[in-house]
Amino acid sequence: MIVKIHFKKSNKTIEVFPGNTLLSVARDHHIFIPSPCGGNARCGGCRIRVLQGKDLEDISAEEYLKLSDEQIEKGFRLACSYVIKEDIEVDI
C-alpha cells in the first residue's frame, strides 16, 4: 500500500510506503525539516503540524515531553517520531 504525504508550504506531494518516520521520508525526498538533534527526539526542533489524516493515538513518550497538550490537540507532532500510516497533509 502506498500513502501520499502533501507538504503544504512547498505544495509538494510524495508517495511512500507506510512505516517510516516523516523526517526520514522528507530527507529521502530532499524536503528540509529542521532537526537540530539529528532526529533523536531530544530537542523538539522537528515539530510539524498534521493538517489532515491525523493519527494521534500513537503519540510517543518523547512527543509528550516536547509538546504541550494544546500543541498536540492542534495536530503538532515531531517529524522524527511520527510514523507514516496513512495519507496526510503537513505544514512545516
C-alpha atoms as a PDB file:
ATOM      1  CA  MET A   1       0.000   0.000   0.000  1.00  0.00           C
ATOM      2  CA  ILE A   2       1.303   3.434  -0.944  1.00  0.00           C
ATOM      3  CA  VAL A   3       0.395   6.559   1.027  1.00  0.00           C
ATOM      4  CA  LYS A   4       0.626  10.205  -0.010  1.00  0.00           C
ATOM      5  CA  ILE A   5       2.208  12.970   2.008  1.00  0.00           C
ATOM      6  CA  HIS A   6       1.387  16.510   0.956  1.00  0.00           C
ATOM      7  CA  PHE A   7       3.700  19.273   2.196  1.00  0.00           C
ATOM      8  CA  LYS A   8       1.542  22.383   2.224  1.00  0.00           C
ATOM      9  CA  LYS A   9       4.283  25.030   2.271  1.00  0.00           C
ATOM     10  CA  SER A  10       6.108  23.679  -0.779  1.00  0.00           C
ATOM     11  CA  ASN A  11       2.941  22.295  -2.384  1.00  0.00           C
ATOM     12  CA  LYS A  12       4.793  19.039  -2.960  1.00  0.00           C
ATOM     13  CA  THR A  13       3.203  15.594  -2.700  1.00  0.00           C
ATOM     14  CA  ILE A  14       5.247  12.430  -2.371  1.00  0.00           C
ATOM     15  CA  GLU A  15       4.218   8.788  -2.370  1.00  0.00           C
ATOM     16  CA  VAL A  16       5.838   6.417   0.126  1.00  0.00           C
ATOM     17  CA  PHE A  17       5.342   3.092   1.806  1.00  0.00           C
ATOM     18  CA  PRO A  18       3.971   3.398   5.354  1.00  0.00           C
ATOM     19  CA  GLY A  19       6.122   2.567   8.349  1.00  0.00           C
ATOM     20  CA  ASN A  20       8.890   5.177   8.213  1.00  0.00           C
ATOM     21  CA  THR A  21       9.051   8.447  10.116  1.00  0.00           C
ATOM     22  CA  LEU A  22       8.042  11.672   8.449  1.00  0.00           C
ATOM     23  CA  LEU A  23      11.539  13.049   8.984  1.00  0.00           C
ATOM     24  CA  SER A  24      13.221  10.146   7.212  1.00  0.00           C
ATOM     25  CA  VAL A  25      10.926  10.245   4.172  1.00  0.00           C
ATOM     26  CA  ALA A  26      11.250  14.034   3.949  1.00  0.00           C
ATOM     27  CA  ARG A  27      15.037  13.686   3.936  1.00  0.00           C
ATOM     28  CA  ASP A  28      14.845  10.962   1.289  1.00  0.00           C
ATOM     29  CA  HIS A  29      12.876  13.364  -0.926  1.00  0.00           C
ATOM     30  CA  HIS A  30      15.066  16.422  -0.223  1.00  0.00           C
ATOM     31  CA  ILE A  31      12.417  18.213   1.827  1.00  0.00           C
ATOM     32  CA  PHE A  32      14.026  20.134   4.668  1.00  0.00           C
ATOM     33  CA  ILE A  33      12.651  19.746   8.178  1.00  0.00           C
ATOM     34  CA  PRO A  34      14.903  21.234  10.870  1.00  0.00           C
ATOM     35  CA  SER A  35      16.247  18.562  13.217  1.00  0.00           C
ATOM     36  CA  PRO A  36      18.930  20.059  15.469  1.00  0.00           C
ATOM     37  CA  CYS A  37      19.344  16.825  17.477  1.00  0.00           C
ATOM     38  CA  GLY A  38      19.646  14.703  14.333  1.00  0.00           C
ATOM     39  CA  GLY A  39      16.177  13.176  14.620  1.00  0.00           C
ATOM     40  CA  ASN A  40      16.623  11.638  18.067  1.00  0.00           C
ATOM     41  CA  ALA A  41      13.529  13.237  19.709  1.00  0.00           C
ATOM     42  CA  ARG A  42      15.690  15.217  22.112  1.00  0.00           C
ATOM     43  CA  CYS A  43      15.023  18.818  21.116  1.00  0.00           C
ATOM     44  CA  GLY A  44      11.566  19.257  19.580  1.00  0.00           C
ATOM     45  CA  GLY A  45      13.074  21.181  16.663  1.00  0.00           C
ATOM     46  CA  CYS A  46      11.394  18.993  14.035  1.00  0.00           C
ATOM     47  CA  ARG A  47       7.904  19.992  15.140  1.00  0.00           C
ATOM     48  CA  ILE A  48       5.400  19.898  12.285  1.00  0.00           C
ATOM     49  CA  ARG A  49       1.622  20.186  12.141  1.00  0.00           C
ATOM     50  CA  VAL A  50      -0.522  17.438  10.681  1.00  0.00           C
ATOM     51  CA  LEU A  51      -3.403  19.214   8.926  1.00  0.00           C
ATOM     52  CA  GLN A  52      -5.249  16.192   7.509  1.00  0.00           C
ATOM     53  CA  GLY A  53      -5.106  12.495   8.251  1.00  0.00           C
ATOM     54  CA  LYS A  54      -4.414  12.854  11.945  1.00  0.00           C
ATOM     55  CA  ASP A  55      -3.478   9.598  13.599  1.00  0.00           C
ATOM     56  CA  LEU A  56      -2.989  10.862  17.123  1.00  0.00           C
ATOM     57  CA  GLU A  57      -3.348   7.699  19.163  1.00  0.00           C
ATOM     58  CA  ASP A  58       0.293   6.692  18.638  1.00  0.00           C
ATOM     59  CA  ILE A  59       1.999   9.692  20.213  1.00  0.00           C
ATOM     60  CA  SER A  60       5.388   8.717  21.604  1.00  0.00           C
ATOM     61  CA  ALA A  61       6.553   9.434  25.136  1.00  0.00           C
ATOM     62  CA  GLU A  62       9.175  11.782  23.681  1.00  0.00           C
ATOM     63  CA  GLU A  63       6.472  13.796  21.935  1.00  0.00           C
ATOM     64  CA  TYR A  64       4.540  14.145  25.187  1.00  0.00           C
ATOM     65  CA  LEU A  65       7.696  15.557  26.772  1.00  0.00           C
ATOM     66  CA  LYS A  66       8.419  18.040  23.970  1.00  0.00           C
ATOM     67  CA  LEU A  67       4.891  19.181  23.014  1.00  0.00           C
ATOM     68  CA  SER A  68       2.223  20.818  25.147  1.00  0.00           C
ATOM     69  CA  ASP A  69      -1.267  19.349  25.402  1.00  0.00           C
ATOM     70  CA  GLU A  70      -2.530  22.317  23.384  1.00  0.00           C
ATOM     71  CA  GLN A  71       0.001  21.673  20.611  1.00  0.00           C
ATOM     72  CA  ILE A  72      -0.943  18.004  20.470  1.00  0.00           C
ATOM     73  CA  GLU A  73      -4.648  18.899  20.261  1.00  0.00           C
ATOM     74  CA  LYS A  74      -3.864  21.237  17.335  1.00  0.00           C
ATOM     75  CA  GLY A  75      -2.118  18.432  15.441  1.00  0.00           C
ATOM     76  CA  PHE A  76       1.523  19.184  16.182  1.00  0.00           C
ATOM     77  CA  ARG A  77       3.901  16.222  16.140  1.00  0.00           C
ATOM     78  CA  LEU A  78       7.629  15.584  15.996  1.00  0.00           C
ATOM     79  CA  ALA A  79       8.625  14.559  12.482  1.00  0.00           C
ATOM     80  CA  CYS A  80      11.313  12.255  13.895  1.00  0.00           C
ATOM     81  CA  SER A  81       8.699  10.287  15.868  1.00  0.00           C
ATOM     82  CA  TYR A  82       5.647  10.488  13.604  1.00  0.00           C
ATOM     83  CA  VAL A  83       5.361   7.170  11.781  1.00  0.00           C
ATOM     84  CA  ILE A  84       3.545   7.402   8.455  1.00  0.00           C
ATOM     85  CA  LYS A  85       0.460   5.156   8.316  1.00  0.00           C
ATOM     86  CA  GLU A  86      -1.996   6.976   6.066  1.00  0.00           C
ATOM     87  CA  ASP A  87      -2.334   9.861   3.623  1.00  0.00           C
ATOM     88  CA  ILE A  88      -1.541  13.130   5.384  1.00  0.00           C
ATOM     89  CA  GLU A  89      -1.079  16.822   4.747  1.00  0.00           C
ATOM     90  CA  VAL A  90       1.564  18.554   6.847  1.00  0.00           C
ATOM     91  CA  ASP A  91       2.781  22.070   7.459  1.00  0.00           C
ATOM     92  CA  ILE A  92       6.421  22.540   8.370  1.00  0.00           C
END
